[in-house]
Each structure stands twice: as C-alpha cells, then as structure tokens.
C-alpha cells in the first residue's frame, strides 16, 4: 500500500522504521513543526523528522493539519491509508477522508482503557498490572474508533513511564505494520470498542506531578514513576525552592514518620509519607544539575526537623 505516516516524538520512530522495512511504500511523513529548545533560541526538528530526512523521505510540517490546503495536499498524494503514532494534533474528519482506507492509530493502552494523551503515565499512576498497545481506525472521537489489533505488556514494579513507553514503542511497531498488511488484504474486521471499562488519560499537568507526601508510600511511588521522565515529579525543599525528583523506593521495614520529613538511614535519604517512608534516588534543585540524594543530603546540612513539601 501507499502510506502516509504521522508522528513526532522518539517513540514514533520504531513504527516508521517498521513500515519502511515492510512491503508498504511510505510516500510522505507528517510531523510537528520544528520547536524551540529550553532556552528558546534554536529551532530543533522532531525525532521523526530527523529520522525521515535521513531516509530520504518527504517531510511535511503543517502548523495545523486541519487546514483545507494541507488536507488537499494529502489527498493529492493518492495514498491508500495513513498511520499515526503520537503525532500531537487531532486529525479532523476531512483529513480522515483524504485517504482511501482511513487512518490507523497506534495507541499505547488496551482500549477502551486510557483514552487520551497520557495513557502510559496514567496507567502507572493508577497502579495497573497490565497494559499494552492497540491499533484502531481513527474516527471523530478521542481514541474511540474500532479496534484492529491488540498486544499486552506486563508492567514491572520499577517501571517509569519512560521505560514502559520505550517497550511499548518497540512492541507496537510490528503490530502497526501487521495491521496495515491485514487492512490491505481485507483480513481484518474492525471491532467496535466496548462501552464498558472506559477510562481517560488527559495530559499530565504540573499539579499532577507535585508530590503530596501525605499519601501512602505506594501511591507516591506510582506517581513519581508515572511522571518520569516527563513532566518530572517535583516537590519543595525546606527553603521553599522547587526540586525535581527521581523514582523513589518504599521502605516497608522502616517505621512511619511525619509526611515529608527527611532523615538518613543506612546511607539512604528517607522521606516520610502517609504510611511508610520512601528512599529518594536523585534530586535536582532548581537551577542545578541532577545529583544523588545522598550527595544532596550531605551538602544541604539540614536540621532534623527538615521536611519536603508544604509546611
């Protein structure tokens, strides 16, 4: 089939690579426009754009994929279908109709669970044991289209969102390529999603990433892992400054302390929660590089009553 591919971040690259290695022809790649770095001076291409250009592919970077002119441009490519992985824009009905067979999305959850922008993060934060990836036909709803293929993946106890997303990106790439082949052969029958067990995964906000130490240790653990690496779990230091945190480890053998209270035990920096304390792995105070929690503790020279979070 003649395909057009839409994707932006690094997790979309394995899928594009799998399609290029298949019998299908990728005639163009759509990705988000170049974005400015943290300091706002230099424009940087998306990982998908960098990879696509290295493969000699035509790359399209519309500001709005819904613009009628761009829809007509895609229609003029005469593609059979589109493939989407974490593109970052909603494809409107006019764009969905610009290909012969529609657009197939690879979504990193087992739909109808976790529809939305942050399925992996929300799944981790909810404490799920199992997740996966789904290929489905896009429709006008948010991840509501009929399902074409599914795979499952066990969530490991120490998985961060970054770890899990990387595994799903690698596992989902062949699923997407196989789905496109099945669609071409007419061998796949789209199955409507169940109306039961629907859950939603909105994009994480800064508030979602703020650690509330009064919660149980296992909830704090899930929250921090779900926010790693982005947007990054954070707290406030005893001096009121903001700091980002790496994954924490519940210490069930340690006695409960005041939520947020800091102490050192057996070479670890512990923080009290609503139940047992958790051990910090690393910390990055505002304006400073990431460092081990132990190094930070030694340099901070805090009093025994010091605590993280709101006083």
C-alpha atoms as a PDB file:
ATOM      1  CA  UNK A   1       0.000   0.000   0.000  1.00  0.00           C
ATOM      2  CA  UNK A   2       0.925   3.633  -0.425  1.00  0.00           C
ATOM      3  CA  UNK A   3       1.048   5.089   3.079  1.00  0.00           C
ATOM      4  CA  UNK A   4       1.466   8.437   4.777  1.00  0.00           C
ATOM      5  CA  UNK A   5       2.883   8.415   8.297  1.00  0.00           C
ATOM      6  CA  UNK A   6       2.199  10.969  11.048  1.00  0.00           C
ATOM      7  CA  UNK A   7       4.292  11.053  14.218  1.00  0.00           C
ATOM      8  CA  UNK A   8       6.550  13.337  16.214  1.00  0.00           C
ATOM      9  CA  UNK A   9       8.481  12.025  19.266  1.00  0.00           C
ATOM     10  CA  UNK A  10      11.131   9.332  19.583  1.00  0.00           C
ATOM     11  CA  UNK A  11       8.533   6.663  20.448  1.00  0.00           C
ATOM     12  CA  UNK A  12       7.074   7.021  16.937  1.00  0.00           C
ATOM     13  CA  UNK A  13      10.370   6.264  15.175  1.00  0.00           C
ATOM     14  CA  UNK A  14      10.272   2.434  15.609  1.00  0.00           C
ATOM     15  CA  UNK A  15       6.870   2.342  13.884  1.00  0.00           C
ATOM     16  CA  UNK A  16       8.090   4.375  10.933  1.00  0.00           C
ATOM     17  CA  UNK A  17      11.143   2.151  10.723  1.00  0.00           C
ATOM     18  CA  UNK A  18       8.942  -0.973  10.736  1.00  0.00           C
ATOM     19  CA  UNK A  19       6.753   0.387   7.938  1.00  0.00           C
ATOM     20  CA  UNK A  20       9.815   1.210   5.841  1.00  0.00           C
ATOM     21  CA  UNK A  21      11.055  -2.359   6.325  1.00  0.00           C
ATOM     22  CA  UNK A  22       7.699  -3.781   5.218  1.00  0.00           C
ATOM     23  CA  UNK A  23       6.249  -4.247   1.750  1.00  0.00           C
ATOM     24  CA  UNK A  24       4.425  -0.927   2.044  1.00  0.00           C
ATOM     25  CA  UNK A  25       5.560   2.336   0.479  1.00  0.00           C
ATOM     26  CA  UNK A  26       5.755   5.362   2.775  1.00  0.00           C
ATOM     27  CA  UNK A  27       5.357   8.295   0.393  1.00  0.00           C
ATOM     28  CA  UNK A  28       5.461  11.118   2.960  1.00  0.00           C
ATOM     29  CA  UNK A  29       5.850  11.808   6.670  1.00  0.00           C
ATOM     30  CA  UNK A  30       3.860  14.382   8.643  1.00  0.00           C
ATOM     31  CA  UNK A  31       5.304  15.740  11.882  1.00  0.00           C
ATOM     32  CA  UNK A  32       5.070  18.766  14.135  1.00  0.00           C
ATOM     33  CA  UNK A  33       6.953  21.917  13.090  1.00  0.00           C
ATOM     34  CA  UNK A  34      10.442  22.454  14.460  1.00  0.00           C
ATOM     35  CA  UNK A  35      10.283  23.534  18.097  1.00  0.00           C
ATOM     36  CA  UNK A  36      12.498  25.807  20.150  1.00  0.00           C
ATOM     37  CA  UNK A  37      14.731  24.349  22.826  1.00  0.00           C
ATOM     38  CA  UNK A  38      14.528  25.204  26.507  1.00  0.00           C
ATOM     39  CA  UNK A  39      16.400  28.459  26.046  1.00  0.00           C
ATOM     40  CA  UNK A  40      14.184  29.408  23.126  1.00  0.00           C
ATOM     41  CA  UNK A  41      16.931  30.385  20.699  1.00  0.00           C
ATOM     42  CA  UNK A  42      17.368  27.454  18.332  1.00  0.00           C
ATOM     43  CA  UNK A  43      14.743  25.500  16.422  1.00  0.00           C
ATOM     44  CA  UNK A  44      15.053  21.721  16.645  1.00  0.00           C
ATOM     45  CA  UNK A  45      13.420  19.155  14.336  1.00  0.00           C
ATOM     46  CA  UNK A  46      11.332  16.377  15.833  1.00  0.00           C
ATOM     47  CA  UNK A  47      12.939  12.920  16.172  1.00  0.00           C
ATOM     48  CA  UNK A  48      10.610  11.649  13.446  1.00  0.00           C
ATOM     49  CA  UNK A  49      11.668  14.428  11.077  1.00  0.00           C
ATOM     50  CA  UNK A  50      15.341  13.724  11.687  1.00  0.00           C
ATOM     51  CA  UNK A  51      14.871  10.018  11.013  1.00  0.00           C
ATOM     52  CA  UNK A  52      12.650  10.561   7.969  1.00  0.00           C
ATOM     53  CA  UNK A  53      15.063  13.013   6.336  1.00  0.00           C
ATOM     54  CA  UNK A  54      17.913  10.555   6.888  1.00  0.00           C
ATOM     55  CA  UNK A  55      15.855   8.000   4.944  1.00  0.00           C
ATOM     56  CA  UNK A  56      15.266  10.430   2.083  1.00  0.00           C
ATOM     57  CA  UNK A  57      11.547  10.768   2.758  1.00  0.00           C
ATOM     58  CA  UNK A  58       9.395  13.798   2.019  1.00  0.00           C
ATOM     59  CA  UNK A  59       8.577  15.531   5.315  1.00  0.00           C
ATOM     60  CA  UNK A  60       5.538  17.758   5.818  1.00  0.00           C
ATOM     61  CA  UNK A  61       5.266  20.057   8.851  1.00  0.00           C
ATOM     62  CA  UNK A  62       1.901  21.845   8.776  1.00  0.00           C
ATOM     63  CA  UNK A  63       1.172  24.281  11.561  1.00  0.00           C
ATOM     64  CA  UNK A  64      -2.385  22.919  11.548  1.00  0.00           C
ATOM     65  CA  UNK A  65      -3.129  19.574   9.959  1.00  0.00           C
ATOM     66  CA  UNK A  66      -6.781  20.633   9.668  1.00  0.00           C
ATOM     67  CA  UNK A  67      -6.055  23.452   7.211  1.00  0.00           C
ATOM     68  CA  UNK A  68      -8.002  22.818   3.996  1.00  0.00           C
ATOM     69  CA  UNK A  69      -4.898  23.452   1.877  1.00  0.00           C
ATOM     70  CA  UNK A  70      -2.968  20.754   3.709  1.00  0.00           C
ATOM     71  CA  UNK A  71      -5.876  18.311   3.517  1.00  0.00           C
ATOM     72  CA  UNK A  72      -5.900  18.781  -0.261  1.00  0.00           C
ATOM     73  CA  UNK A  73      -2.140  18.281  -0.350  1.00  0.00           C
ATOM     74  CA  UNK A  74      -2.527  14.928   1.390  1.00  0.00           C
ATOM     75  CA  UNK A  75      -5.438  13.987  -0.872  1.00  0.00           C
ATOM     76  CA  UNK A  76      -3.207  14.711  -3.850  1.00  0.00           C
ATOM     77  CA  UNK A  77      -0.690  12.115  -2.694  1.00  0.00           C
ATOM     78  CA  UNK A  78      -3.220   9.378  -3.553  1.00  0.00           C
ATOM     79  CA  UNK A  79      -2.321   7.229  -0.561  1.00  0.00           C
ATOM     80  CA  UNK A  80      -4.245   4.147   0.437  1.00  0.00           C
ATOM     81  CA  UNK A  81      -4.048   4.742   4.195  1.00  0.00           C
ATOM     82  CA  UNK A  82      -2.409   6.772   6.927  1.00  0.00           C
ATOM     83  CA  UNK A  83      -0.579   5.557  10.033  1.00  0.00           C
ATOM     84  CA  UNK A  84      -0.408   7.671  13.195  1.00  0.00           C
ATOM     85  CA  UNK A  85       1.806   7.326  16.272  1.00  0.00           C
ATOM     86  CA  UNK A  86       1.886  10.172  18.799  1.00  0.00           C
ATOM     87  CA  UNK A  87       1.575  12.885  16.161  1.00  0.00           C
ATOM     88  CA  UNK A  88       0.362  15.582  18.554  1.00  0.00           C
ATOM     89  CA  UNK A  89      -2.546  17.003  16.532  1.00  0.00           C
ATOM     90  CA  UNK A  90      -6.120  15.805  16.126  1.00  0.00           C
ATOM     91  CA  UNK A  91      -6.960  14.702  12.592  1.00  0.00           C
ATOM     92  CA  UNK A  92     -10.352  16.117  11.648  1.00  0.00           C
ATOM     93  CA  UNK A  93     -12.967  14.318   9.507  1.00  0.00           C
ATOM     94  CA  UNK A  94     -11.816  15.997   6.287  1.00  0.00           C
ATOM     95  CA  UNK A  95      -8.294  14.630   6.822  1.00  0.00           C
ATOM     96  CA  UNK A  96      -9.613  11.207   7.779  1.00  0.00           C
ATOM     97  CA  UNK A  97     -11.402  11.101   4.433  1.00  0.00           C
ATOM     98  CA  UNK A  98      -8.297  12.152   2.486  1.00  0.00           C
ATOM     99  CA  UNK A  99      -7.028   8.557   2.272  1.00  0.00           C
ATOM    100  CA  UNK A 100      -8.786   5.592   0.674  1.00  0.00           C
ATOM    101  CA  UNK A 101      -8.935   3.329   3.743  1.00  0.00           C
ATOM    102  CA  UNK A 102      -8.650   5.894   6.530  1.00  0.00           C
ATOM    103  CA  UNK A 103      -6.024   6.371   9.245  1.00  0.00           C
ATOM    104  CA  UNK A 104      -4.761   3.709  11.652  1.00  0.00           C
ATOM    105  CA  UNK A 105      -3.549   4.894  15.062  1.00  0.00           C
ATOM    106  CA  UNK A 106      -1.151   3.002  17.325  1.00  0.00           C
ATOM    107  CA  UNK A 107      -2.198   3.880  20.879  1.00  0.00           C
ATOM    108  CA  UNK A 108      -0.261   2.798  23.964  1.00  0.00           C
ATOM    109  CA  UNK A 109      -3.016   1.202  26.010  1.00  0.00           C
ATOM    110  CA  UNK A 110      -5.552  -1.592  25.646  1.00  0.00           C
ATOM    111  CA  UNK A 111      -8.573   0.400  24.549  1.00  0.00           C
ATOM    112  CA  UNK A 112     -11.085   1.441  25.774  1.00  0.00           C
ATOM    113  CA  UNK A 113      -8.824   1.885  28.805  1.00  0.00           C
ATOM    114  CA  UNK A 114      -6.881   5.139  28.992  1.00  0.00           C
ATOM    115  CA  UNK A 115      -8.122   7.107  26.021  1.00  0.00           C
ATOM    116  CA  UNK A 116      -6.175  10.330  25.675  1.00  0.00           C
ATOM    117  CA  UNK A 117      -2.730  11.904  25.593  1.00  0.00           C
ATOM    118  CA  UNK A 118      -1.034  10.188  28.563  1.00  0.00           C
ATOM    119  CA  UNK A 119      -2.123   6.518  28.662  1.00  0.00           C
ATOM    120  CA  UNK A 120       1.189   5.106  29.897  1.00  0.00           C
ATOM    121  CA  UNK A 121       1.593   7.705  32.633  1.00  0.00           C
ATOM    122  CA  UNK A 122      -1.981   7.358  33.868  1.00  0.00           C
ATOM    123  CA  UNK A 123      -1.795   3.565  33.830  1.00  0.00           C
ATOM    124  CA  UNK A 124       1.309   3.595  36.016  1.00  0.00           C
ATOM    125  CA  UNK A 125      -0.149   6.151  38.404  1.00  0.00           C
ATOM    126  CA  UNK A 126      -3.324   4.078  38.741  1.00  0.00           C
ATOM    127  CA  UNK A 127      -1.306   1.006  39.723  1.00  0.00           C
ATOM    128  CA  UNK A 128      -2.313  -1.177  36.760  1.00  0.00           C
ATOM    129  CA  UNK A 129      -0.597  -4.567  36.437  1.00  0.00           C
ATOM    130  CA  UNK A 130      -1.165  -4.909  32.709  1.00  0.00           C
ATOM    131  CA  UNK A 131      -1.200  -2.527  29.777  1.00  0.00           C
ATOM    132  CA  UNK A 132      -0.465  -2.830  26.060  1.00  0.00           C
ATOM    133  CA  UNK A 133      -0.984  -1.234  22.683  1.00  0.00           C
ATOM    134  CA  UNK A 134      -3.915  -1.022  20.296  1.00  0.00           C
ATOM    135  CA  UNK A 135      -4.235  -0.296  16.596  1.00  0.00           C
ATOM    136  CA  UNK A 136      -7.568   1.199  15.592  1.00  0.00           C
ATOM    137  CA  UNK A 137      -9.218   3.257  12.888  1.00  0.00           C
ATOM    138  CA  UNK A 138      -9.465   6.919  13.736  1.00  0.00           C
ATOM    139  CA  UNK A 139     -12.911   8.481  13.862  1.00  0.00           C
ATOM    140  CA  UNK A 140     -14.150  11.856  15.091  1.00  0.00           C
ATOM    141  CA  UNK A 141     -13.929  10.836  18.756  1.00  0.00           C
ATOM    142  CA  UNK A 142     -10.901  10.772  21.067  1.00  0.00           C
ATOM    143  CA  UNK A 143      -9.478   7.252  20.662  1.00  0.00           C
ATOM    144  CA  UNK A 144     -12.961   5.826  20.149  1.00  0.00           C
ATOM    145  CA  UNK A 145     -12.588   4.145  16.749  1.00  0.00           C
ATOM    146  CA  UNK A 146     -12.970   0.420  16.012  1.00  0.00           C
ATOM    147  CA  UNK A 147     -10.081  -1.832  17.041  1.00  0.00           C
ATOM    148  CA  UNK A 148      -7.895  -3.706  14.543  1.00  0.00           C
ATOM    149  CA  UNK A 149      -5.169  -5.245  16.702  1.00  0.00           C
ATOM    150  CA  UNK A 150      -4.049  -5.536  20.341  1.00  0.00           C
ATOM    151  CA  UNK A 151      -0.994  -6.620  22.309  1.00  0.00           C
ATOM    152  CA  UNK A 152      -0.484  -6.738  26.064  1.00  0.00           C
ATOM    153  CA  UNK A 153       2.521  -5.920  28.232  1.00  0.00           C
ATOM    154  CA  UNK A 154       3.117  -6.637  31.907  1.00  0.00           C
ATOM    155  CA  UNK A 155       4.005  -3.576  33.995  1.00  0.00           C
ATOM    156  CA  UNK A 156       7.135  -4.150  36.064  1.00  0.00           C
ATOM    157  CA  UNK A 157       7.362  -2.947  39.684  1.00  0.00           C
ATOM    158  CA  UNK A 158      10.108  -0.405  38.930  1.00  0.00           C
ATOM    159  CA  UNK A 159       8.895   0.772  35.506  1.00  0.00           C
ATOM    160  CA  UNK A 160       8.932   4.500  34.865  1.00  0.00           C
ATOM    161  CA  UNK A 161       6.760   5.979  32.151  1.00  0.00           C
ATOM    162  CA  UNK A 162       9.878   6.248  30.017  1.00  0.00           C
ATOM    163  CA  UNK A 163      10.775   2.579  30.483  1.00  0.00           C
ATOM    164  CA  UNK A 164       7.299   1.327  29.700  1.00  0.00           C
ATOM    165  CA  UNK A 165       6.751   3.651  26.758  1.00  0.00           C
ATOM    166  CA  UNK A 166      10.006   2.509  25.172  1.00  0.00           C
ATOM    167  CA  UNK A 167       8.975  -1.159  25.429  1.00  0.00           C
ATOM    168  CA  UNK A 168       5.531  -0.458  24.026  1.00  0.00           C
ATOM    169  CA  UNK A 169       7.005   1.567  21.154  1.00  0.00           C
ATOM    170  CA  UNK A 170       9.219  -1.365  20.187  1.00  0.00           C
ATOM    171  CA  UNK A 171       6.476  -3.971  20.592  1.00  0.00           C
ATOM    172  CA  UNK A 172       3.848  -1.829  18.883  1.00  0.00           C
ATOM    173  CA  UNK A 173       5.884  -1.161  15.740  1.00  0.00           C
ATOM    174  CA  UNK A 174       5.429  -4.651  14.224  1.00  0.00           C
ATOM    175  CA  UNK A 175       1.790  -4.627  15.337  1.00  0.00           C
ATOM    176  CA  UNK A 176       1.221  -1.477  13.288  1.00  0.00           C
ATOM    177  CA  UNK A 177       2.978  -2.933  10.225  1.00  0.00           C
ATOM    178  CA  UNK A 178       0.967  -6.156  10.514  1.00  0.00           C
ATOM    179  CA  UNK A 179      -2.242  -4.178  10.892  1.00  0.00           C
ATOM    180  CA  UNK A 180      -1.557  -2.251   7.698  1.00  0.00           C
ATOM    181  CA  UNK A 181      -0.954  -5.534   5.846  1.00  0.00           C
ATOM    182  CA  UNK A 182      -4.158  -7.017   7.242  1.00  0.00           C
ATOM    183  CA  UNK A 183      -6.082  -3.915   6.243  1.00  0.00           C
ATOM    184  CA  UNK A 184      -4.717  -4.126   2.702  1.00  0.00           C
ATOM    185  CA  UNK A 185      -5.666  -7.800   2.415  1.00  0.00           C
ATOM    186  CA  UNK A 186      -9.142  -7.218   3.820  1.00  0.00           C
ATOM    187  CA  UNK A 187      -8.360  -9.787   6.507  1.00  0.00           C
ATOM    188  CA  UNK A 188      -9.162  -7.535   9.475  1.00  0.00           C
ATOM    189  CA  UNK A 189     -12.656  -6.819  10.701  1.00  0.00           C
ATOM    190  CA  UNK A 190     -12.734  -3.619  12.803  1.00  0.00           C
ATOM    191  CA  UNK A 191     -14.308  -4.364  16.179  1.00  0.00           C
ATOM    192  CA  UNK A 192     -16.235  -1.580  17.936  1.00  0.00           C
ATOM    193  CA  UNK A 193     -14.830  -0.702  21.335  1.00  0.00           C
ATOM    194  CA  UNK A 194     -16.718  -1.832  24.400  1.00  0.00           C
ATOM    195  CA  UNK A 195     -18.751   0.790  26.207  1.00  0.00           C
ATOM    196  CA  UNK A 196     -17.564  -0.732  29.492  1.00  0.00           C
ATOM    197  CA  UNK A 197     -14.251  -0.121  31.289  1.00  0.00           C
ATOM    198  CA  UNK A 198     -13.666   3.217  29.581  1.00  0.00           C
ATOM    199  CA  UNK A 199     -11.070   5.405  31.290  1.00  0.00           C
ATOM    200  CA  UNK A 200      -9.451   8.652  30.257  1.00  0.00           C
ATOM    201  CA  UNK A 201      -5.818   9.778  30.243  1.00  0.00           C
ATOM    202  CA  UNK A 202      -5.567  13.558  29.933  1.00  0.00           C
ATOM    203  CA  UNK A 203      -2.149  15.136  29.540  1.00  0.00           C
ATOM    204  CA  UNK A 204      -0.300  15.478  32.842  1.00  0.00           C
ATOM    205  CA  UNK A 205      -0.207  18.931  34.362  1.00  0.00           C
ATOM    206  CA  UNK A 206       2.326  20.479  36.699  1.00  0.00           C
ATOM    207  CA  UNK A 207      -0.148  19.913  39.527  1.00  0.00           C
ATOM    208  CA  UNK A 208      -0.342  16.185  38.688  1.00  0.00           C
ATOM    209  CA  UNK A 209       3.443  15.981  39.146  1.00  0.00           C
ATOM    210  CA  UNK A 210       3.518  17.677  42.563  1.00  0.00           C
ATOM    211  CA  UNK A 211       4.269  15.050  45.204  1.00  0.00           C
ATOM    212  CA  UNK A 212       1.906  15.043  48.155  1.00  0.00           C
ATOM    213  CA  UNK A 213       3.770  13.252  50.879  1.00  0.00           C
ATOM    214  CA  UNK A 214       0.670  12.641  52.984  1.00  0.00           C
ATOM    215  CA  UNK A 215      -0.394   9.959  50.504  1.00  0.00           C
ATOM    216  CA  UNK A 216       0.548   6.293  51.110  1.00  0.00           C
ATOM    217  CA  UNK A 217       4.059   5.244  50.072  1.00  0.00           C
ATOM    218  CA  UNK A 218       2.854   3.049  47.204  1.00  0.00           C
ATOM    219  CA  UNK A 219       0.816   5.933  45.763  1.00  0.00           C
ATOM    220  CA  UNK A 220       3.816   8.279  45.948  1.00  0.00           C
ATOM    221  CA  UNK A 221       5.946   5.610  44.256  1.00  0.00           C
ATOM    222  CA  UNK A 222       3.453   5.226  41.379  1.00  0.00           C
ATOM    223  CA  UNK A 223       3.071   8.964  40.949  1.00  0.00           C
ATOM    224  CA  UNK A 224       6.798   9.627  40.700  1.00  0.00           C
ATOM    225  CA  UNK A 225       7.374   6.746  38.262  1.00  0.00           C
ATOM    226  CA  UNK A 226       4.422   7.870  36.153  1.00  0.00           C
ATOM    227  CA  UNK A 227       5.886  11.367  35.904  1.00  0.00           C
ATOM    228  CA  UNK A 228       9.393  10.174  34.999  1.00  0.00           C
ATOM    229  CA  UNK A 229      10.957  11.435  32.810  1.00  0.00           C
ATOM    230  CA  UNK A 230       8.255  13.966  31.899  1.00  0.00           C
ATOM    231  CA  UNK A 231       6.857  16.207  33.201  1.00  0.00           C
ATOM    232  CA  UNK A 232       9.045  15.258  36.171  1.00  0.00           C
ATOM    233  CA  UNK A 233       7.811  14.764  39.733  1.00  0.00           C
ATOM    234  CA  UNK A 234       8.607  17.729  41.953  1.00  0.00           C
ATOM    235  CA  UNK A 235       8.450  18.978  45.499  1.00  0.00           C
ATOM    236  CA  UNK A 236       9.541  21.990  47.518  1.00  0.00           C
ATOM    237  CA  UNK A 237      12.696  21.976  49.631  1.00  0.00           C
ATOM    238  CA  UNK A 238      12.860  23.236  53.228  1.00  0.00           C
ATOM    239  CA  UNK A 239      13.989  26.644  51.927  1.00  0.00           C
ATOM    240  CA  UNK A 240      10.952  26.850  49.619  1.00  0.00           C
ATOM    241  CA  UNK A 241      12.871  26.202  46.410  1.00  0.00           C
ATOM    242  CA  UNK A 242      11.498  23.740  43.856  1.00  0.00           C
ATOM    243  CA  UNK A 243      13.271  20.451  43.122  1.00  0.00           C
ATOM    244  CA  UNK A 244      12.595  17.579  40.731  1.00  0.00           C
ATOM    245  CA  UNK A 245      12.770  14.020  42.000  1.00  0.00           C
ATOM    246  CA  UNK A 246      13.746  10.685  40.537  1.00  0.00           C
ATOM    247  CA  UNK A 247      11.959   7.399  41.296  1.00  0.00           C
ATOM    248  CA  UNK A 248      11.514   6.515  44.953  1.00  0.00           C
ATOM    249  CA  UNK A 249      11.560   3.147  46.706  1.00  0.00           C
ATOM    250  CA  UNK A 250       9.088   2.343  49.505  1.00  0.00           C
ATOM    251  CA  UNK A 251      10.824   1.107  52.640  1.00  0.00           C
ATOM    252  CA  UNK A 252       8.230  -1.086  54.315  1.00  0.00           C
ATOM    253  CA  UNK A 253      10.648  -2.159  57.060  1.00  0.00           C
ATOM    254  CA  UNK A 254      11.104   1.414  58.265  1.00  0.00           C
ATOM    255  CA  UNK A 255       8.759   2.963  60.861  1.00  0.00           C
ATOM    256  CA  UNK A 256       6.285   5.622  59.763  1.00  0.00           C
ATOM    257  CA  UNK A 257       7.272   9.255  60.234  1.00  0.00           C
ATOM    258  CA  UNK A 258       5.706  12.656  59.603  1.00  0.00           C
ATOM    259  CA  UNK A 259       4.803  13.058  55.895  1.00  0.00           C
ATOM    260  CA  UNK A 260       7.588  14.916  54.101  1.00  0.00           C
ATOM    261  CA  UNK A 261      10.056  14.635  56.996  1.00  0.00           C
ATOM    262  CA  UNK A 262      13.636  13.890  55.936  1.00  0.00           C
ATOM    263  CA  UNK A 263      16.114  11.603  57.633  1.00  0.00           C
ATOM    264  CA  UNK A 264      19.090   9.417  56.763  1.00  0.00           C
ATOM    265  CA  UNK A 265      19.167   5.688  57.451  1.00  0.00           C
ATOM    266  CA  UNK A 266      21.757   3.145  56.293  1.00  0.00           C
ATOM    267  CA  UNK A 267      23.136   5.541  53.712  1.00  0.00           C
ATOM    268  CA  UNK A 268      19.722   6.346  52.219  1.00  0.00           C
ATOM    269  CA  UNK A 269      17.763   9.582  52.339  1.00  0.00           C
ATOM    270  CA  UNK A 270      14.233   8.755  53.500  1.00  0.00           C
ATOM    271  CA  UNK A 271      11.096  10.870  53.253  1.00  0.00           C
ATOM    272  CA  UNK A 272       8.012  10.257  55.335  1.00  0.00           C
ATOM    273  CA  UNK A 273       4.670   9.551  53.657  1.00  0.00           C
ATOM    274  CA  UNK A 274       1.172   8.744  54.859  1.00  0.00           C
ATOM    275  CA  UNK A 275       2.393   5.215  55.619  1.00  0.00           C
ATOM    276  CA  UNK A 276       5.994   4.008  55.403  1.00  0.00           C
ATOM    277  CA  UNK A 277       8.853   6.242  54.231  1.00  0.00           C
ATOM    278  CA  UNK A 278      10.349   6.143  50.744  1.00  0.00           C
ATOM    279  CA  UNK A 279      14.012   6.353  49.753  1.00  0.00           C
ATOM    280  CA  UNK A 280      14.999   9.083  47.290  1.00  0.00           C
ATOM    281  CA  UNK A 281      17.162   8.126  44.293  1.00  0.00           C
ATOM    282  CA  UNK A 282      18.144  11.529  42.899  1.00  0.00           C
ATOM    283  CA  UNK A 283      17.146  15.134  43.258  1.00  0.00           C
ATOM    284  CA  UNK A 284      17.608  18.219  41.065  1.00  0.00           C
ATOM    285  CA  UNK A 285      17.104  21.524  42.880  1.00  0.00           C
ATOM    286  CA  UNK A 286      16.028  24.393  40.619  1.00  0.00           C
ATOM    287  CA  UNK A 287      18.918  25.685  38.541  1.00  0.00           C
ATOM    288  CA  UNK A 288      21.201  22.804  39.490  1.00  0.00           C
ATOM    289  CA  UNK A 289      22.129  19.502  37.898  1.00  0.00           C
ATOM    290  CA  UNK A 290      20.669  16.170  38.953  1.00  0.00           C
ATOM    291  CA  UNK A 291      22.595  14.588  41.837  1.00  0.00           C
ATOM    292  CA  UNK A 292      22.257  11.545  44.032  1.00  0.00           C
ATOM    293  CA  UNK A 293      20.016  12.072  47.037  1.00  0.00           C
ATOM    294  CA  UNK A 294      22.920  11.164  49.316  1.00  0.00           C
ATOM    295  CA  UNK A 295      25.200  13.827  47.815  1.00  0.00           C
ATOM    296  CA  UNK A 296      22.427  16.406  48.068  1.00  0.00           C
ATOM    297  CA  UNK A 297      21.779  15.488  51.704  1.00  0.00           C
ATOM    298  CA  UNK A 298      25.433  15.836  52.638  1.00  0.00           C
ATOM    299  CA  UNK A 299      25.668  19.240  51.018  1.00  0.00           C
ATOM    300  CA  UNK A 300      22.362  20.574  52.317  1.00  0.00           C
ATOM    301  CA  UNK A 301      23.247  20.166  56.035  1.00  0.00           C
ATOM    302  CA  UNK A 302      19.606  20.239  57.093  1.00  0.00           C
ATOM    303  CA  UNK A 303      18.275  20.156  60.674  1.00  0.00           C
ATOM    304  CA  UNK A 304      16.483  17.063  61.973  1.00  0.00           C
ATOM    305  CA  UNK A 305      13.056  18.673  61.566  1.00  0.00           C
ATOM    306  CA  UNK A 306      13.573  19.441  57.861  1.00  0.00           C
ATOM    307  CA  UNK A 307      10.789  18.338  55.529  1.00  0.00           C
ATOM    308  CA  UNK A 308       9.872  18.346  51.856  1.00  0.00           C
ATOM    309  CA  UNK A 309       6.619  19.798  50.600  1.00  0.00           C
ATOM    310  CA  UNK A 310       4.241  22.318  52.077  1.00  0.00           C
ATOM    311  CA  UNK A 311       4.849  23.243  55.702  1.00  0.00           C
END
